[in-house]
Amino acid sequence: MPKGVSNSSAAITVLLIDPHPICLLGLEHLLSTDPHITVCGTTSSYKKGLQLAKQLEPNVILLDPLLESPEGIALITQFQETCSCNILVQNKDRFGAIFEQNPDQSN
């Protein structure tokens, strides 16, 4: 059971933080198709995101770690210190680098 969800009828609340408005709209639309997920807030500012995280107390924060700052790890740490929620990190420019760092798996 996801953190903060006590039964199957409860929604997982998600705060979306991304500097690109089109990504926010797309993610919000995609997540709204799942009856177990409620997008409780969206913002393109990490400072506003910290405020919303304190105010809304979402179960999950989905964010772009490079949002307004090259210090992605420091940003994630700030969110961890702000609320006790799960943090999902997404960044289309970083996925390739993450996969390239994984060792090749032998068949």
N, C-alpha and C. Protein backbone atom coordinates (compact mmCIF):
# COMPACT_ATOMS: atom_id res chain seq x y z
N MET A 1 0.85 -1.18 0.00
CA MET A 1 0.00 0.00 0.00
C MET A 1 0.90 1.24 0.00
N PRO A 2 0.68 2.20 -0.88
CA PRO A 2 1.49 3.41 -0.92
C PRO A 2 1.42 4.18 0.40
N LYS A 3 2.52 4.82 0.72
CA LYS A 3 2.60 5.63 1.93
C LYS A 3 1.46 6.65 1.95
N GLY A 4 0.75 6.71 3.06
CA GLY A 4 -0.31 7.69 3.20
C GLY A 4 -1.67 7.23 2.69
N VAL A 5 -1.73 6.03 2.13
CA VAL A 5 -3.00 5.52 1.61
C VAL A 5 -3.44 4.38 2.50
N SER A 6 -4.60 4.51 3.14
CA SER A 6 -5.04 3.52 4.11
C SER A 6 -5.96 2.45 3.55
N ASN A 7 -6.62 2.71 2.43
CA ASN A 7 -7.48 1.68 1.83
C ASN A 7 -7.54 1.88 0.32
N SER A 8 -8.13 0.90 -0.36
CA SER A 8 -8.11 0.92 -1.82
C SER A 8 -8.93 2.05 -2.43
N SER A 9 -9.85 2.64 -1.67
CA SER A 9 -10.67 3.72 -2.23
C SER A 9 -10.03 5.10 -2.06
N ALA A 10 -8.99 5.20 -1.24
CA ALA A 10 -8.33 6.49 -1.01
C ALA A 10 -7.43 6.84 -2.19
N ALA A 11 -7.38 8.12 -2.50
CA ALA A 11 -6.55 8.58 -3.61
C ALA A 11 -5.14 8.88 -3.13
N ILE A 12 -4.19 8.65 -4.01
CA ILE A 12 -2.80 9.05 -3.79
C ILE A 12 -2.72 10.50 -4.26
N THR A 13 -2.30 11.39 -3.39
CA THR A 13 -2.21 12.80 -3.77
C THR A 13 -0.81 13.08 -4.30
N VAL A 14 -0.77 13.82 -5.41
CA VAL A 14 0.49 14.09 -6.11
C VAL A 14 0.63 15.59 -6.34
N LEU A 15 1.82 16.10 -6.03
CA LEU A 15 2.19 17.48 -6.33
C LEU A 15 3.16 17.44 -7.51
N LEU A 16 2.84 18.14 -8.59
CA LEU A 16 3.67 18.17 -9.79
C LEU A 16 4.48 19.45 -9.82
N ILE A 17 5.80 19.33 -10.04
CA ILE A 17 6.67 20.49 -10.14
C ILE A 17 7.56 20.33 -11.36
N ASP A 18 7.37 21.20 -12.33
CA ASP A 18 8.14 21.12 -13.57
C ASP A 18 8.20 22.51 -14.20
N PRO A 19 9.36 22.91 -14.73
CA PRO A 19 9.48 24.25 -15.29
C PRO A 19 8.75 24.44 -16.62
N HIS A 20 8.29 23.38 -17.22
CA HIS A 20 7.65 23.45 -18.53
C HIS A 20 6.14 23.30 -18.40
N PRO A 21 5.38 24.35 -18.70
CA PRO A 21 3.91 24.29 -18.56
C PRO A 21 3.28 23.14 -19.33
N ILE A 22 3.79 22.82 -20.50
CA ILE A 22 3.21 21.75 -21.30
C ILE A 22 3.40 20.40 -20.60
N CYS A 23 4.53 20.23 -19.92
CA CYS A 23 4.76 19.00 -19.15
C CYS A 23 3.80 18.90 -17.98
N LEU A 24 3.59 20.03 -17.29
CA LEU A 24 2.64 20.03 -16.18
C LEU A 24 1.24 19.63 -16.66
N LEU A 25 0.81 20.22 -17.76
CA LEU A 25 -0.51 19.89 -18.30
C LEU A 25 -0.60 18.43 -18.71
N GLY A 26 0.42 17.94 -19.38
CA GLY A 26 0.42 16.56 -19.83
C GLY A 26 0.42 15.57 -18.68
N LEU A 27 1.28 15.83 -17.69
CA LEU A 27 1.34 14.94 -16.53
C LEU A 27 0.02 14.97 -15.75
N GLU A 28 -0.53 16.17 -15.57
CA GLU A 28 -1.80 16.29 -14.85
C GLU A 28 -2.91 15.53 -15.59
N HIS A 29 -2.95 15.67 -16.90
CA HIS A 29 -3.96 14.96 -17.69
C HIS A 29 -3.75 13.44 -17.59
N LEU A 30 -2.53 13.00 -17.75
CA LEU A 30 -2.24 11.56 -17.69
C LEU A 30 -2.61 10.98 -16.33
N LEU A 31 -2.21 11.65 -15.26
CA LEU A 31 -2.49 11.14 -13.92
C LEU A 31 -3.98 11.19 -13.59
N SER A 32 -4.70 12.15 -14.17
CA SER A 32 -6.13 12.27 -13.88
C SER A 32 -6.94 11.10 -14.44
N THR A 33 -6.36 10.30 -15.30
CA THR A 33 -7.07 9.15 -15.85
C THR A 33 -7.11 7.98 -14.87
N ASP A 34 -6.31 8.05 -13.81
CA ASP A 34 -6.31 6.98 -12.80
C ASP A 34 -7.18 7.40 -11.62
N PRO A 35 -8.22 6.65 -11.30
CA PRO A 35 -9.13 7.05 -10.22
C PRO A 35 -8.50 7.02 -8.83
N HIS A 36 -7.32 6.42 -8.71
CA HIS A 36 -6.64 6.33 -7.42
C HIS A 36 -5.61 7.43 -7.22
N ILE A 37 -5.51 8.34 -8.18
CA ILE A 37 -4.53 9.43 -8.11
C ILE A 37 -5.26 10.77 -8.21
N THR A 38 -4.91 11.68 -7.31
CA THR A 38 -5.44 13.03 -7.35
C THR A 38 -4.27 14.00 -7.40
N VAL A 39 -4.20 14.82 -8.43
CA VAL A 39 -3.18 15.87 -8.50
C VAL A 39 -3.67 17.00 -7.61
N CYS A 40 -2.97 17.22 -6.51
CA CYS A 40 -3.42 18.22 -5.53
C CYS A 40 -2.82 19.60 -5.79
N GLY A 41 -1.80 19.67 -6.68
CA GLY A 41 -1.22 20.97 -7.00
C GLY A 41 -0.19 20.85 -8.10
N THR A 42 0.02 21.96 -8.79
CA THR A 42 1.05 22.04 -9.84
C THR A 42 1.73 23.40 -9.74
N THR A 43 3.01 23.42 -10.07
CA THR A 43 3.75 24.67 -10.11
C THR A 43 5.00 24.50 -10.95
N SER A 44 5.49 25.62 -11.47
CA SER A 44 6.74 25.60 -12.24
C SER A 44 7.90 26.17 -11.42
N SER A 45 7.65 26.48 -10.16
CA SER A 45 8.65 27.09 -9.29
C SER A 45 8.97 26.17 -8.11
N TYR A 46 10.24 25.90 -7.87
CA TYR A 46 10.56 25.02 -6.76
C TYR A 46 10.27 25.70 -5.42
N LYS A 47 10.41 27.03 -5.34
CA LYS A 47 10.07 27.75 -4.10
C LYS A 47 8.58 27.61 -3.80
N LYS A 48 7.75 27.78 -4.81
CA LYS A 48 6.30 27.59 -4.65
C LYS A 48 6.01 26.13 -4.33
N GLY A 49 6.78 25.24 -4.94
CA GLY A 49 6.62 23.81 -4.67
C GLY A 49 6.87 23.46 -3.21
N LEU A 50 7.88 24.08 -2.61
CA LEU A 50 8.15 23.85 -1.19
C LEU A 50 6.99 24.34 -0.34
N GLN A 51 6.43 25.49 -0.69
CA GLN A 51 5.28 26.03 0.03
C GLN A 51 4.08 25.08 -0.10
N LEU A 52 3.84 24.63 -1.33
CA LEU A 52 2.71 23.73 -1.56
C LEU A 52 2.90 22.39 -0.85
N ALA A 53 4.13 21.90 -0.81
CA ALA A 53 4.41 20.64 -0.13
C ALA A 53 4.06 20.74 1.35
N LYS A 54 4.42 21.87 1.98
CA LYS A 54 4.08 22.08 3.39
C LYS A 54 2.58 22.20 3.57
N GLN A 55 1.94 22.94 2.70
CA GLN A 55 0.50 23.22 2.80
C GLN A 55 -0.36 22.01 2.48
N LEU A 56 -0.05 21.31 1.39
CA LEU A 56 -0.90 20.24 0.89
C LEU A 56 -0.56 18.86 1.44
N GLU A 57 0.68 18.68 1.89
CA GLU A 57 1.15 17.38 2.40
C GLU A 57 0.80 16.23 1.45
N PRO A 58 1.29 16.28 0.21
CA PRO A 58 0.96 15.22 -0.76
C PRO A 58 1.64 13.90 -0.38
N ASN A 59 1.12 12.81 -0.92
CA ASN A 59 1.76 11.51 -0.74
C ASN A 59 3.01 11.41 -1.59
N VAL A 60 2.97 12.06 -2.77
CA VAL A 60 4.07 11.98 -3.73
C VAL A 60 4.33 13.36 -4.33
N ILE A 61 5.62 13.67 -4.51
CA ILE A 61 6.02 14.85 -5.28
C ILE A 61 6.74 14.34 -6.51
N LEU A 62 6.28 14.76 -7.68
CA LEU A 62 6.94 14.43 -8.94
C LEU A 62 7.60 15.70 -9.42
N LEU A 63 8.93 15.68 -9.52
CA LEU A 63 9.62 16.92 -9.89
C LEU A 63 10.77 16.69 -10.85
N ASP A 64 11.10 17.77 -11.52
CA ASP A 64 12.27 17.84 -12.39
C ASP A 64 13.40 18.35 -11.50
N PRO A 65 14.47 17.57 -11.28
CA PRO A 65 15.50 17.97 -10.33
C PRO A 65 16.32 19.18 -10.77
N LEU A 66 16.27 19.56 -12.02
CA LEU A 66 17.06 20.70 -12.49
C LEU A 66 16.23 21.98 -12.48
N LEU A 67 15.06 21.92 -11.90
CA LEU A 67 14.15 23.05 -11.83
C LEU A 67 14.82 24.25 -11.18
N GLU A 68 15.05 25.30 -11.93
CA GLU A 68 15.62 26.56 -11.47
C GLU A 68 16.96 26.42 -10.76
N SER A 69 17.57 25.25 -10.81
CA SER A 69 18.82 25.06 -10.08
C SER A 69 19.57 23.85 -10.64
N PRO A 70 20.87 23.99 -10.87
CA PRO A 70 21.65 22.83 -11.28
C PRO A 70 21.93 21.89 -10.12
N GLU A 71 21.57 22.28 -8.94
CA GLU A 71 21.83 21.47 -7.74
C GLU A 71 20.64 20.57 -7.44
N GLY A 72 20.41 19.60 -8.31
CA GLY A 72 19.24 18.74 -8.17
C GLY A 72 19.19 17.97 -6.87
N ILE A 73 20.32 17.46 -6.40
CA ILE A 73 20.34 16.69 -5.16
C ILE A 73 19.99 17.58 -3.98
N ALA A 74 20.51 18.80 -3.96
CA ALA A 74 20.19 19.74 -2.88
C ALA A 74 18.70 20.06 -2.88
N LEU A 75 18.12 20.19 -4.06
CA LEU A 75 16.70 20.47 -4.18
C LEU A 75 15.88 19.31 -3.61
N ILE A 76 16.25 18.10 -3.95
CA ILE A 76 15.55 16.92 -3.45
C ILE A 76 15.66 16.86 -1.93
N THR A 77 16.83 17.17 -1.39
CA THR A 77 17.04 17.18 0.05
C THR A 77 16.12 18.19 0.73
N GLN A 78 15.95 19.36 0.12
CA GLN A 78 15.05 20.36 0.69
C GLN A 78 13.62 19.82 0.79
N PHE A 79 13.19 19.12 -0.24
CA PHE A 79 11.84 18.55 -0.22
C PHE A 79 11.73 17.46 0.83
N GLN A 80 12.78 16.65 0.99
CA GLN A 80 12.76 15.60 2.00
C GLN A 80 12.68 16.20 3.40
N GLU A 81 13.32 17.33 3.61
CA GLU A 81 13.28 17.99 4.91
C GLU A 81 11.95 18.71 5.14
N THR A 82 11.24 19.05 4.08
CA THR A 82 9.98 19.79 4.17
C THR A 82 8.79 18.90 4.50
N CYS A 83 8.73 17.75 3.89
CA CYS A 83 7.57 16.88 4.10
C CYS A 83 7.99 15.42 4.10
N SER A 84 7.15 14.60 4.68
CA SER A 84 7.44 13.16 4.72
C SER A 84 6.64 12.47 3.62
N CYS A 85 7.06 12.69 2.40
CA CYS A 85 6.37 12.09 1.27
C CYS A 85 7.39 11.40 0.36
N ASN A 86 6.88 10.64 -0.57
CA ASN A 86 7.73 10.01 -1.57
C ASN A 86 8.05 11.04 -2.64
N ILE A 87 9.27 11.00 -3.15
CA ILE A 87 9.68 11.94 -4.19
C ILE A 87 10.09 11.15 -5.42
N LEU A 88 9.40 11.43 -6.53
CA LEU A 88 9.76 10.83 -7.82
C LEU A 88 10.45 11.91 -8.64
N VAL A 89 11.58 11.56 -9.21
CA VAL A 89 12.35 12.50 -9.99
C VAL A 89 12.23 12.13 -11.46
N GLN A 90 11.89 13.11 -12.28
CA GLN A 90 11.81 12.87 -13.72
C GLN A 90 12.53 14.00 -14.44
N ASN A 91 13.25 13.62 -15.46
CA ASN A 91 13.91 14.61 -16.31
C ASN A 91 14.28 13.93 -17.60
N LYS A 92 13.66 14.33 -18.68
CA LYS A 92 13.87 13.65 -19.96
C LYS A 92 15.33 13.72 -20.41
N ASP A 93 16.06 14.75 -20.03
CA ASP A 93 17.44 14.89 -20.45
C ASP A 93 18.38 13.99 -19.66
N ARG A 94 17.95 13.49 -18.53
CA ARG A 94 18.82 12.68 -17.68
C ARG A 94 18.62 11.19 -17.81
N PHE A 95 17.50 10.72 -18.37
CA PHE A 95 17.25 9.29 -18.43
C PHE A 95 18.36 8.56 -19.19
N GLY A 96 18.79 9.11 -20.31
CA GLY A 96 19.84 8.47 -21.08
C GLY A 96 21.11 8.30 -20.28
N ALA A 97 21.49 9.32 -19.54
CA ALA A 97 22.71 9.25 -18.72
C ALA A 97 22.56 8.19 -17.63
N ILE A 98 21.38 8.09 -17.05
CA ILE A 98 21.17 7.08 -16.02
C ILE A 98 21.30 5.69 -16.60
N PHE A 99 20.67 5.45 -17.75
CA PHE A 99 20.75 4.13 -18.36
C PHE A 99 22.16 3.80 -18.83
N GLU A 100 22.89 4.79 -19.31
CA GLU A 100 24.23 4.55 -19.79
C GLU A 100 25.16 4.15 -18.64
N GLN A 101 24.87 4.58 -17.42
CA GLN A 101 25.73 4.26 -16.28
C GLN A 101 25.49 2.86 -15.76
N ASN A 102 24.37 2.24 -16.12
CA ASN A 102 24.09 0.89 -15.69
C ASN A 102 24.97 -0.09 -16.45
N PRO A 103 25.55 -1.08 -15.75
CA PRO A 103 26.39 -2.06 -16.46
C PRO A 103 25.55 -2.91 -17.40
N ASP A 104 26.15 -3.33 -18.49
CA ASP A 104 25.46 -4.21 -19.43
C ASP A 104 25.16 -5.53 -18.74
N GLN A 105 23.98 -6.04 -19.01
CA GLN A 105 23.60 -7.31 -18.41
C GLN A 105 23.86 -8.41 -19.42
N SER A 106 24.55 -9.43 -18.98
CA SER A 106 24.88 -10.56 -19.86
C SER A 106 23.68 -11.47 -20.02
N ASN A 107 23.56 -12.07 -21.20
CA ASN A 107 22.48 -13.03 -21.44
C ASN A 107 22.92 -14.42 -21.13
